[in-house]
Amino acid sequence: MILGYNEFVSQTAEQIACNLGRIVGEEKVLHGSAVERVYSSDAYTVERFPPTVVALPTSTEDIAEIVRFCREHDLPFTPRGAGTGLSGGAMPALGGAVISTKKLTAILDFSIEDQWLHAQSGIANLKITKKVEPFGYHFAPDPSSQSVSTLGGNIAMNSGGPHTLKYGVTAQHILGLRYVNGNGEIITIGGPAGQQPGYDLLSLLIGSEGTLGIVTEAWVKLTKNPSAICTASTYFSTIEDASKCVGAMVRSGVMPAALEMMDHYVLAAVAAAYPIHVPKGTAAMLLIETDGEPESAKSDIDELISIAEQHNSIETALAKNQAERTLLWTARKKGVGALGRLAPTVVTHDGVIPPSRLPEMLEAVYAVVQSQNIGVANIFHAGDGNLHPIFYFDEREPGAIDRVVKAGEMVIEKCLELGGSVTGEHGIGVEKTDLLAKMYSANSLAFQARLRDVFGSPQSCNPCKVIPSGKGCLEHKVRWRGVAT
C-alpha cells in the first residue's frame, strides 16, 4: 500500500537524513526547505511535490542499501538524474527520498576495437561522445539536453534526439545494464556482448521510467563517425508547404541523418538573440542533414533540397564547412531556450503521428492553443513524426496552468486520432498517466502494471508514474496540478 505524504514513517526528515547519512556519509544527504523546492519537480514544472530527503550516493552498492532502508521503513523513493525530464518522471510524487545519480559519473571501461563503453548512469550523455571522439566514434542518441542529461535518464525515458531518425533511440544503443530493483537487489542484464540468451529484459527496463528499479551502470554501443556530413536549411512561406515537404522527403527513400522543423515563432525568438539569417516571409524552416561517404551524403542532400524546391521552398542554405553547419544548427539547439523571450514559462509537449498526417496535426495544434488562449511554438523531429509543441504562458495568470494542461490533453488526443502515440521520447511520467488509458485497453494496462511484481518493484518505487495505482496517487493528483511557482 502507498501511504500519503508524511504518513509513511514515524521518523522526521532529520532522522531519515541521519540514517541515510550512515550509508553514504552525512554530507551526501540533503534536506530542508531549499532542497524541497529545488527537487520538487523536473523540467516539467507545472506539477510539483517536495521530497523529504535527497541522497547523493556514489556507488551501486550504496543505492542498494538506500533502497533496502526505504523498503524497511515504507519510504517512497524516486530516482533522479539531471532533472531535465519533461513529463514529471523525477518528481517525488509522494515525497520520501529522492535518490540522485549525479555523483555516479565514472567511465569504467571501454573498447574501441569491440565498440562499447561501460559507464555509471549519472554521466552526462555528451561526455561519452567526448571520451571516444579522438578514436573516431560517438554515442549516437543525442537528446537536445545531452550536455547535461544523464545516461541513466536517457535509458529511463528511452530518449531520442535529432539524429535518431537514422540511428535509432537509446534502446538501440544499450548492450547491458546494472541496476538495483525495488527490493534493493543488484542485478546485471547483458554486458559488452549485448543481450544474453533468454527473455529480452533489457527492452523492458529501457523506457520503464525508474518504476522497475534504478539503473546504476550501462554498457553502451559506440558508433563510428561518418566520413562526411552535409547540412542544409530550407525555408517556406507556409506551414502547409513545409509539412507536406516532410512527408515527401520521408517517402523519397533517402534516409536523412536528421530532419527537423521549426516554425516562425521559434525562428523569431532565436533570431532576436543570435546572428542567424531568416528570409523575410518565412513561416517554417526544415533543417536537413545527411551523412555517410562524401559522394552519397552530397547526392542525398541534393535530392532532398530538390524535393524542397518542388514544395515551394523560398530559399535554401547549404553549409560549406563546420562553422556554417554549426550556425545552421543554432535555431534547433537554441530554440527552446530562446522562447524565454516570449513568456516566463514554457511547457514542452511530446506526441507522435505518422509523418503523412503532419499538415492536419499542425493545423490542430494552432487551433488548440487559440481555443485555450496560450501561445505555442513548434520545434520537433519532423522525420519520424515526433512533435514538440512548446506552450508559452505566464503561470502567475489565474487559470493559465489549467489551460496548458487542457491544451496538452487535446493535442495528444488528436495524435491518437491520427494513429499516433502519447509520447515519442519524453515518457509518461505523471503528465500523461491519464492519457495512457486512451491508448490502451484496461486489460493491457493491467498486464503492464503486473510487470512491477515480476521485477520485484513495489508501488513505492517511483510511485504514481506511468501506470499509477494506490490510494496515495489519486489523493495527490489534485494537489500536484497548478502549483508551479
Protein backbone atom coordinates (compact mmCIF):
# COMPACT_ATOMS: atom_id res chain seq x y z
CA MET A 1 0.00 0.00 0.00
CA ILE A 2 1.19 3.52 -0.78
CA LEU A 3 0.60 5.95 2.05
CA GLY A 4 0.17 9.68 1.69
CA TYR A 5 2.95 12.20 2.17
CA ASN A 6 4.24 12.28 5.79
CA GLU A 7 2.19 9.16 6.65
CA PHE A 8 4.75 6.56 5.63
CA VAL A 9 7.22 6.80 8.52
CA SER A 10 7.27 7.98 12.06
CA GLN A 11 10.76 9.41 11.59
CA THR A 12 11.34 13.10 10.96
CA ALA A 13 13.30 14.35 7.96
CA GLU A 14 16.27 14.89 10.25
CA GLN A 15 16.11 11.30 11.49
CA ILE A 16 15.82 9.91 7.97
CA ALA A 17 18.74 12.06 6.82
CA CYS A 18 20.79 10.86 9.78
CA ASN A 19 20.07 7.20 8.97
CA LEU A 20 20.85 7.63 5.27
CA GLY A 21 23.96 9.58 6.23
CA ARG A 22 25.29 6.42 7.88
CA ILE A 23 25.08 4.74 4.47
CA VAL A 24 26.52 7.39 2.15
CA GLY A 25 28.00 9.97 4.50
CA GLU A 26 26.07 12.81 6.08
CA GLU A 27 27.42 15.35 3.56
CA LYS A 28 25.67 13.38 0.78
CA VAL A 29 22.18 13.67 2.27
CA LEU A 30 20.23 16.91 1.84
CA HIS A 31 17.01 18.16 3.42
CA GLY A 32 15.31 21.43 4.28
CA SER A 33 13.11 23.99 2.56
CA ALA A 34 15.60 24.89 -0.19
CA VAL A 35 16.09 21.21 -1.05
CA GLU A 36 12.34 20.64 -1.10
CA ARG A 37 11.91 23.47 -3.59
CA VAL A 38 14.78 22.52 -5.91
CA TYR A 39 13.91 18.82 -6.07
CA SER A 40 10.12 19.15 -6.15
CA SER A 41 9.97 18.81 -9.94
CA ASP A 42 11.99 18.07 -13.03
CA ALA A 43 11.78 20.32 -16.13
CA TYR A 44 8.02 19.72 -16.22
CA THR A 45 7.47 22.43 -13.65
CA VAL A 46 3.69 22.67 -13.63
CA GLU A 47 3.45 19.69 -11.27
CA ARG A 48 5.47 19.68 -8.04
CA PHE A 49 5.76 17.84 -4.78
CA PRO A 50 8.56 18.15 -2.20
CA PRO A 51 10.84 15.28 -1.17
CA THR A 52 11.61 14.55 2.46
CA VAL A 53 15.32 13.99 1.80
CA VAL A 54 17.71 13.78 -1.15
CA ALA A 55 20.52 11.20 -1.17
CA LEU A 56 23.62 11.52 -3.39
CA PRO A 57 25.22 8.05 -3.46
CA THR A 58 28.41 7.27 -5.38
CA SER A 59 28.07 3.52 -5.98
CA THR A 60 25.62 0.78 -6.92
CA GLU A 61 26.09 -0.77 -3.50
CA ASP A 62 25.13 2.48 -1.74
CA ILE A 63 21.97 2.75 -3.83
CA ALA A 64 21.04 -0.84 -2.99
CA GLU A 65 21.44 -0.14 0.72
CA ILE A 66 19.37 3.06 0.47
CA VAL A 67 16.57 1.18 -1.33
CA ARG A 68 16.59 -1.52 1.35
CA PHE A 69 16.31 1.18 4.02
CA CYS A 70 13.37 2.74 2.19
CA ARG A 71 11.62 -0.62 1.87
CA GLU A 72 12.15 -1.39 5.54
CA HIS A 73 10.61 1.93 6.57
CA ASP A 74 7.85 2.14 3.91
CA LEU A 75 9.51 5.23 2.48
CA PRO A 76 8.69 6.07 -1.17
CA PHE A 77 11.80 6.64 -3.30
CA THR A 78 12.29 8.36 -6.64
CA PRO A 79 15.32 8.01 -8.95
CA ARG A 80 16.66 11.26 -10.40
CA GLY A 81 19.43 12.11 -12.84
CA ALA A 82 19.92 15.69 -14.02
CA GLY A 83 16.25 16.61 -13.69
CA THR A 84 15.93 17.53 -17.38
CA GLY A 85 12.92 15.25 -17.91
CA LEU A 86 9.82 16.86 -19.38
CA SER A 87 6.97 14.70 -18.07
CA GLY A 88 7.44 14.75 -14.29
CA GLY A 89 9.22 11.39 -14.18
CA ALA A 90 11.65 12.58 -11.49
CA MET A 91 9.04 14.37 -9.39
CA PRO A 92 8.83 12.76 -5.91
CA ALA A 93 5.08 12.27 -6.22
CA LEU A 94 4.59 11.06 -2.64
CA GLY A 95 7.57 12.78 -1.09
CA GLY A 96 10.01 10.37 0.54
CA ALA A 97 13.57 10.01 -0.68
CA VAL A 98 14.99 11.25 -3.97
CA ILE A 99 17.93 9.02 -4.94
CA SER A 100 20.15 11.07 -7.22
CA THR A 101 22.67 9.50 -9.59
CA LYS A 102 24.52 12.76 -10.24
CA LYS A 103 27.65 11.57 -8.43
CA LEU A 104 27.84 8.34 -10.46
CA THR A 105 29.84 9.87 -13.30
CA ALA A 106 32.72 7.48 -13.92
CA ILE A 107 33.62 5.87 -17.23
CA LEU A 108 34.57 2.39 -16.03
CA ASP A 109 35.98 0.83 -19.19
CA PHE A 110 35.72 0.95 -22.97
CA SER A 111 36.87 -0.92 -26.07
CA ILE A 112 37.24 0.84 -29.39
CA GLU A 113 38.08 -2.48 -31.04
CA ASP A 114 34.78 -4.01 -29.91
CA GLN A 115 32.85 -0.70 -29.97
CA TRP A 116 31.47 -0.50 -26.43
CA LEU A 117 31.82 1.68 -23.36
CA HIS A 118 30.91 0.94 -19.72
CA ALA A 119 29.90 3.92 -17.57
CA GLN A 120 27.99 4.82 -14.45
CA SER A 121 24.48 6.10 -15.08
CA GLY A 122 25.00 9.66 -13.82
CA ILE A 123 27.44 10.61 -16.57
CA ALA A 124 26.24 13.30 -18.98
CA ASN A 125 25.33 11.89 -22.40
CA LEU A 126 27.74 14.13 -24.31
CA LYS A 127 30.72 13.14 -22.15
CA ILE A 128 30.56 9.64 -23.61
CA THR A 129 30.98 11.05 -27.10
CA LYS A 130 33.78 13.36 -25.94
CA LYS A 131 35.64 10.37 -24.47
CA VAL A 132 35.69 8.36 -27.71
CA GLU A 133 35.74 11.24 -30.21
CA PRO A 134 39.57 11.07 -30.60
CA PHE A 135 39.13 7.50 -31.83
CA GLY A 136 36.53 8.45 -34.45
CA TYR A 137 33.44 7.24 -32.58
CA HIS A 138 30.41 8.70 -30.80
CA PHE A 139 27.34 7.75 -28.77
CA ALA A 140 24.51 8.13 -31.28
CA PRO A 141 21.47 9.09 -29.12
CA ASP A 142 21.60 12.89 -28.88
CA PRO A 143 18.72 14.48 -26.96
CA SER A 144 18.81 18.26 -27.08
CA SER A 145 19.80 18.30 -23.39
CA GLN A 146 22.70 15.89 -23.99
CA SER A 147 25.31 18.20 -22.47
CA VAL A 148 23.62 17.75 -19.08
CA SER A 149 21.08 14.90 -19.30
CA THR A 150 22.39 11.67 -17.82
CA LEU A 151 22.84 8.25 -19.36
CA GLY A 152 20.50 6.76 -16.75
CA GLY A 153 17.82 9.32 -17.52
CA ASN A 154 18.15 8.62 -21.25
CA ILE A 155 17.69 4.92 -20.53
CA ALA A 156 14.73 5.50 -18.22
CA MET A 157 12.85 7.53 -20.84
CA ASN A 158 14.30 5.81 -23.95
CA SER A 159 15.33 9.26 -25.17
CA GLY A 160 15.79 10.18 -28.78
CA GLY A 161 17.14 13.30 -30.44
CA PRO A 162 17.58 14.81 -33.91
CA HIS A 163 19.86 12.08 -35.25
CA THR A 164 17.84 9.13 -34.03
CA LEU A 165 15.82 9.37 -37.25
CA LYS A 166 18.65 7.39 -38.84
CA TYR A 167 20.45 5.88 -35.85
CA GLY A 168 17.60 4.95 -33.52
CA VAL A 169 16.65 5.87 -29.97
CA THR A 170 18.50 4.90 -26.79
CA ALA A 171 17.21 1.30 -26.83
CA GLN A 172 19.17 0.54 -30.00
CA HIS A 173 22.44 1.53 -28.30
CA ILE A 174 22.33 -0.24 -24.93
CA LEU A 175 24.18 -3.54 -24.60
CA GLY A 176 23.70 -4.16 -20.90
CA LEU A 177 22.59 -2.69 -17.59
CA ARG A 178 23.39 -2.99 -13.93
CA TYR A 179 20.51 -1.89 -11.77
CA VAL A 180 19.02 -2.04 -8.30
CA ASN A 181 15.50 -3.42 -8.26
CA GLY A 182 12.74 -2.24 -5.97
CA ASN A 183 13.76 -4.69 -3.25
CA GLY A 184 17.35 -3.45 -3.14
CA GLU A 185 18.84 -6.38 -5.09
CA ILE A 186 21.70 -5.73 -7.55
CA ILE A 187 21.08 -7.32 -10.95
CA THR A 188 23.13 -7.32 -14.17
CA ILE A 189 21.49 -7.93 -17.56
CA GLY A 190 23.56 -8.11 -20.74
CA GLY A 191 27.04 -6.65 -21.00
CA PRO A 192 29.69 -5.86 -23.61
CA ALA A 193 28.43 -8.69 -25.83
CA GLY A 194 24.86 -7.43 -25.64
CA GLN A 195 21.61 -9.20 -24.77
CA GLN A 196 22.16 -12.70 -23.39
CA PRO A 197 20.00 -15.78 -24.17
CA GLY A 198 16.60 -15.80 -22.55
CA TYR A 199 13.86 -13.20 -22.24
CA ASP A 200 14.69 -9.72 -23.53
CA LEU A 201 14.68 -7.99 -20.15
CA LEU A 202 16.78 -5.12 -21.46
CA SER A 203 13.88 -3.95 -23.60
CA LEU A 204 11.56 -3.99 -20.58
CA LEU A 205 13.91 -1.93 -18.43
CA ILE A 206 14.72 0.69 -21.09
CA GLY A 207 11.87 3.18 -21.07
CA SER A 208 10.42 1.92 -17.77
CA GLU A 209 10.96 5.39 -16.23
CA GLY A 210 12.51 4.17 -12.99
CA THR A 211 9.42 2.20 -11.97
CA LEU A 212 11.22 -1.17 -12.13
CA GLY A 213 14.38 -0.06 -10.34
CA ILE A 214 17.34 2.30 -10.57
CA VAL A 215 19.91 1.88 -13.36
CA THR A 216 23.40 2.44 -11.94
CA GLU A 217 25.69 1.35 -14.79
CA ALA A 218 25.34 0.65 -18.51
CA TRP A 219 27.30 -0.82 -21.39
CA VAL A 220 26.62 1.29 -24.49
CA LYS A 221 27.27 0.70 -28.16
CA LEU A 222 29.68 3.08 -29.89
CA THR A 223 29.00 4.29 -33.43
CA LYS A 224 31.72 5.15 -35.94
CA ASN A 225 31.71 8.76 -37.13
CA PRO A 226 30.59 9.22 -40.75
CA SER A 227 33.16 10.22 -43.33
CA ALA A 228 31.13 13.23 -44.42
CA ILE A 229 28.19 15.32 -43.19
CA CYS A 230 26.05 17.66 -45.30
CA THR A 231 23.72 20.17 -43.63
CA ALA A 232 21.15 22.49 -45.15
CA SER A 233 18.34 24.77 -44.02
CA THR A 234 15.42 25.32 -46.35
CA TYR A 235 12.70 27.90 -45.75
CA PHE A 236 8.98 28.00 -46.61
CA SER A 237 6.37 30.75 -46.69
CA THR A 238 3.62 28.48 -45.33
CA ILE A 239 3.45 25.80 -42.64
CA GLU A 240 1.47 23.63 -45.05
CA ASP A 241 4.22 23.60 -47.70
CA ALA A 242 6.88 22.71 -45.13
CA SER A 243 4.83 19.93 -43.54
CA LYS A 244 3.87 18.41 -46.90
CA CYS A 245 7.53 18.53 -47.87
CA VAL A 246 8.41 16.42 -44.83
CA GLY A 247 6.09 13.63 -45.99
CA ALA A 248 7.57 13.76 -49.48
CA MET A 249 11.12 13.53 -48.12
CA VAL A 250 10.24 10.54 -45.95
CA ARG A 251 8.64 8.77 -48.91
CA SER A 252 11.59 9.52 -51.21
CA GLY A 253 13.67 6.62 -49.93
CA VAL A 254 16.52 8.90 -48.87
CA MET A 255 17.30 8.48 -45.17
CA PRO A 256 18.40 11.79 -43.64
CA ALA A 257 20.51 11.67 -40.50
CA ALA A 258 18.22 14.44 -39.21
CA LEU A 259 15.09 16.20 -40.45
CA GLU A 260 13.94 18.91 -38.03
CA MET A 261 11.22 21.53 -38.35
CA MET A 262 10.87 24.94 -36.68
CA ASP A 263 8.02 27.39 -37.11
CA HIS A 264 8.26 31.18 -37.34
CA TYR A 265 7.68 31.70 -33.61
CA VAL A 266 10.83 29.73 -32.79
CA LEU A 267 12.81 31.38 -35.57
CA ALA A 268 11.83 34.87 -34.48
CA ALA A 269 12.87 34.19 -30.89
CA VAL A 270 16.24 32.74 -31.94
CA ALA A 271 16.90 35.50 -34.48
CA ALA A 272 16.38 38.10 -31.74
CA ALA A 273 19.19 36.53 -29.72
CA TYR A 274 21.63 35.01 -32.24
CA PRO A 275 23.06 36.07 -35.62
CA ILE A 276 21.05 33.71 -37.80
CA HIS A 277 19.57 34.51 -41.19
CA VAL A 278 15.83 34.02 -41.66
CA PRO A 279 14.42 35.09 -45.05
CA LYS A 280 11.57 37.59 -44.97
CA GLY A 281 8.19 35.87 -45.07
CA THR A 282 9.41 32.59 -43.57
CA ALA A 283 6.68 30.57 -41.83
CA ALA A 284 8.75 27.43 -41.26
CA MET A 285 12.23 26.04 -41.69
CA LEU A 286 13.42 22.49 -42.26
CA LEU A 287 16.90 21.58 -41.06
CA ILE A 288 18.19 18.66 -43.11
CA GLU A 289 21.32 16.62 -42.54
CA THR A 290 22.75 13.64 -44.43
CA ASP A 291 25.88 11.66 -43.71
CA GLY A 292 27.98 8.74 -44.95
CA GLU A 293 30.59 8.58 -47.64
CA PRO A 294 31.20 12.02 -49.23
CA GLU A 295 29.59 11.22 -52.58
CA SER A 296 26.45 9.62 -51.12
CA ALA A 297 25.97 12.30 -48.45
CA LYS A 298 26.15 15.01 -51.12
CA SER A 299 23.80 13.26 -53.55
CA ASP A 300 21.30 12.63 -50.73
CA ILE A 301 21.24 16.27 -49.62
CA ASP A 302 20.90 17.42 -53.23
CA GLU A 303 17.88 15.15 -53.70
CA LEU A 304 16.22 16.42 -50.51
CA ILE A 305 16.83 20.04 -51.49
CA SER A 306 15.24 19.28 -54.86
CA ILE A 307 12.16 17.92 -53.08
CA ALA A 308 12.01 21.11 -51.01
CA GLU A 309 12.09 23.20 -54.19
CA GLN A 310 9.20 21.15 -55.57
CA HIS A 311 7.26 22.10 -52.44
CA ASN A 312 7.78 25.85 -52.89
CA SER A 313 10.77 26.49 -50.66
CA ILE A 314 11.73 30.15 -50.89
CA GLU A 315 15.42 29.80 -50.04
CA THR A 316 17.99 27.15 -49.11
CA ALA A 317 21.33 27.49 -47.33
CA LEU A 318 23.87 24.67 -47.69
CA ALA A 319 26.74 24.63 -45.17
CA LYS A 320 30.19 24.75 -46.77
CA ASN A 321 32.17 23.97 -43.60
CA GLN A 322 31.83 23.06 -39.92
CA ALA A 323 31.38 26.68 -38.84
CA GLU A 324 28.46 27.16 -41.22
CA ARG A 325 26.99 23.82 -40.15
CA THR A 326 27.10 24.90 -36.51
CA LEU A 327 25.38 28.17 -37.41
CA LEU A 328 22.59 26.33 -39.24
CA TRP A 329 22.04 24.19 -36.15
CA THR A 330 21.71 27.29 -33.94
CA ALA A 331 17.95 27.60 -34.43
CA ARG A 332 17.44 23.97 -33.38
CA LYS A 333 19.89 23.90 -30.47
CA LYS A 334 18.93 27.30 -29.02
CA GLY A 335 15.26 27.33 -29.94
CA VAL A 336 13.71 26.18 -26.67
CA GLY A 337 15.84 28.47 -24.51
CA ALA A 338 15.15 31.46 -26.75
CA LEU A 339 11.43 31.12 -26.13
CA GLY A 340 12.01 32.69 -22.73
CA ARG A 341 11.80 35.95 -24.68
CA LEU A 342 8.14 35.25 -25.40
CA ALA A 343 6.85 34.30 -21.92
CA PRO A 344 8.16 33.48 -18.44
CA THR A 345 7.05 29.81 -18.53
CA VAL A 346 7.21 27.12 -21.19
CA VAL A 347 6.00 23.51 -21.25
CA THR A 348 7.45 21.29 -23.96
CA HIS A 349 4.97 18.66 -25.02
CA ASP A 350 5.58 15.40 -26.84
CA GLY A 351 3.45 13.27 -29.14
CA VAL A 352 3.82 11.16 -32.26
CA ILE A 353 1.94 10.97 -35.54
CA PRO A 354 2.62 9.37 -38.94
CA PRO A 355 4.64 11.97 -40.91
CA SER A 356 1.98 12.00 -43.66
CA ARG A 357 -0.54 13.44 -41.16
CA LEU A 358 1.70 16.38 -40.21
CA PRO A 359 -0.24 19.11 -42.10
CA GLU A 360 -3.54 18.43 -40.32
CA MET A 361 -1.81 17.84 -36.99
CA LEU A 362 -0.10 21.22 -37.03
CA GLU A 363 -3.35 22.87 -38.04
CA ALA A 364 -4.95 21.23 -35.00
CA VAL A 365 -2.14 22.38 -32.67
CA TYR A 366 -2.58 26.03 -33.66
CA ALA A 367 -6.35 25.73 -33.25
CA VAL A 368 -5.99 24.18 -29.78
CA VAL A 369 -3.80 26.95 -28.38
CA GLN A 370 -6.09 29.59 -29.81
CA SER A 371 -9.04 27.96 -28.02
CA GLN A 372 -7.08 27.87 -24.75
CA ASN A 373 -5.63 31.39 -25.08
CA ILE A 374 -1.97 30.37 -24.77
CA GLY A 375 0.99 30.64 -27.12
CA VAL A 376 2.73 27.82 -28.98
CA ALA A 377 5.99 27.44 -30.87
CA ASN A 378 6.77 24.25 -32.77
CA ILE A 379 10.24 22.73 -32.94
CA PHE A 380 10.42 18.99 -33.49
CA HIS A 381 11.76 15.84 -35.10
CA ALA A 382 9.70 16.03 -38.27
CA GLY A 383 11.20 12.99 -40.00
CA ASP A 384 9.81 10.49 -37.51
CA GLY A 385 6.67 12.43 -36.64
CA ASN A 386 7.78 13.23 -33.09
CA LEU A 387 6.07 16.55 -32.29
CA HIS A 388 7.20 19.00 -29.62
CA PRO A 389 4.63 21.81 -29.34
CA ILE A 390 6.04 24.25 -26.79
CA PHE A 391 3.34 26.11 -24.91
CA TYR A 392 4.43 29.50 -23.59
CA PHE A 393 2.45 31.41 -20.97
CA ASP A 394 2.58 33.26 -17.66
CA GLU A 395 1.98 30.77 -14.85
CA ARG A 396 1.08 33.64 -12.50
CA GLU A 397 -2.06 34.31 -14.50
CA PRO A 398 -5.09 32.67 -12.85
CA GLY A 399 -6.19 29.58 -14.73
CA ALA A 400 -3.19 29.55 -17.08
CA ILE A 401 -1.82 26.20 -15.91
CA ASP A 402 -5.20 24.52 -16.22
CA ARG A 403 -5.46 25.79 -19.80
CA VAL A 404 -1.98 24.48 -20.60
CA VAL A 405 -2.82 21.05 -19.20
CA LYS A 406 -6.07 21.02 -21.17
CA ALA A 407 -4.27 22.04 -24.37
CA GLY A 408 -1.76 19.23 -23.91
CA GLU A 409 -4.53 16.69 -23.49
CA MET A 410 -6.29 17.96 -26.61
CA VAL A 411 -3.09 17.74 -28.67
CA ILE A 412 -2.36 14.17 -27.54
CA GLU A 413 -5.94 13.09 -28.20
CA LYS A 414 -5.54 14.39 -31.77
CA CYS A 415 -2.28 12.44 -32.12
CA LEU A 416 -4.13 9.26 -31.14
CA GLU A 417 -6.96 10.06 -33.51
CA LEU A 418 -4.43 10.26 -36.36
CA GLY A 419 -2.88 6.91 -35.50
CA GLY A 420 -0.02 8.16 -33.32
CA SER A 421 1.19 7.80 -29.75
CA VAL A 422 1.06 9.72 -26.47
CA THR A 423 4.84 10.12 -26.38
CA GLY A 424 7.91 9.72 -28.55
CA GLU A 425 10.76 10.30 -26.10
CA HIS A 426 9.66 12.37 -23.08
CA GLY A 427 7.88 9.49 -21.38
CA ILE A 428 4.64 9.22 -19.44
CA GLY A 429 5.77 10.40 -16.00
CA VAL A 430 2.86 12.00 -14.17
CA GLU A 431 1.94 14.24 -17.08
CA LYS A 432 0.33 11.54 -19.26
CA THR A 433 -0.85 8.85 -16.87
CA ASP A 434 -4.48 9.71 -17.59
CA LEU A 435 -3.85 9.84 -21.34
CA LEU A 436 -2.32 6.36 -21.44
CA ALA A 437 -5.77 4.88 -20.82
CA LYS A 438 -6.87 6.45 -24.12
CA MET A 439 -4.20 4.45 -25.95
CA TYR A 440 -4.50 1.06 -24.21
CA SER A 441 -7.37 -1.09 -23.02
CA ALA A 442 -7.88 -1.72 -19.30
CA ASN A 443 -6.62 -5.28 -19.74
CA SER A 444 -3.46 -4.09 -21.49
CA LEU A 445 -2.73 -1.56 -18.75
CA ALA A 446 -3.34 -4.15 -16.03
CA PHE A 447 -0.94 -6.53 -17.76
CA GLN A 448 1.75 -3.85 -17.90
CA ALA A 449 1.18 -2.95 -14.25
CA ARG A 450 1.90 -6.56 -13.23
CA LEU A 451 5.44 -6.19 -14.55
CA ARG A 452 6.29 -4.36 -11.33
CA ASP A 453 5.73 -7.61 -9.47
CA VAL A 454 7.90 -9.57 -11.90
CA PHE A 455 10.78 -7.18 -11.26
CA GLY A 456 10.21 -7.12 -7.51
CA SER A 457 9.27 -3.47 -7.74
CA PRO A 458 6.81 -2.16 -5.15
CA GLN A 459 4.48 0.76 -5.77
CA SER A 460 6.80 2.86 -3.59
CA CYS A 461 9.48 2.68 -6.34
CA ASN A 462 8.96 5.93 -8.27
CA PRO A 463 5.31 5.94 -7.26
CA CYS A 464 2.43 7.27 -9.37
CA LYS A 465 4.41 7.16 -12.62
CA VAL A 466 3.44 5.58 -15.94
CA ILE A 467 0.63 3.34 -14.65
CA PRO A 468 -0.12 4.62 -11.15
CA SER A 469 -2.19 2.73 -8.65
CA GLY A 470 -2.76 3.10 -4.95
CA LYS A 471 -4.82 5.45 -2.84
CA GLY A 472 -2.00 7.94 -2.32
CA CYS A 473 -1.56 8.61 -6.05
CA LEU A 474 -5.20 9.54 -6.51
CA GLU A 475 -5.18 11.80 -3.47
CA HIS A 476 -2.14 13.71 -4.63
CA LYS A 477 -3.07 14.15 -8.28
CA VAL A 478 -5.29 17.11 -7.46
CA ARG A 479 -2.61 18.69 -5.29
CA TRP A 480 0.11 18.39 -7.98
CA ARG A 481 -1.67 20.33 -10.68
CA GLY A 482 -1.46 24.06 -10.68
CA VAL A 483 1.19 24.61 -8.04
CA ALA A 484 4.08 25.80 -10.19
CA THR A 485 5.97 28.69 -8.58
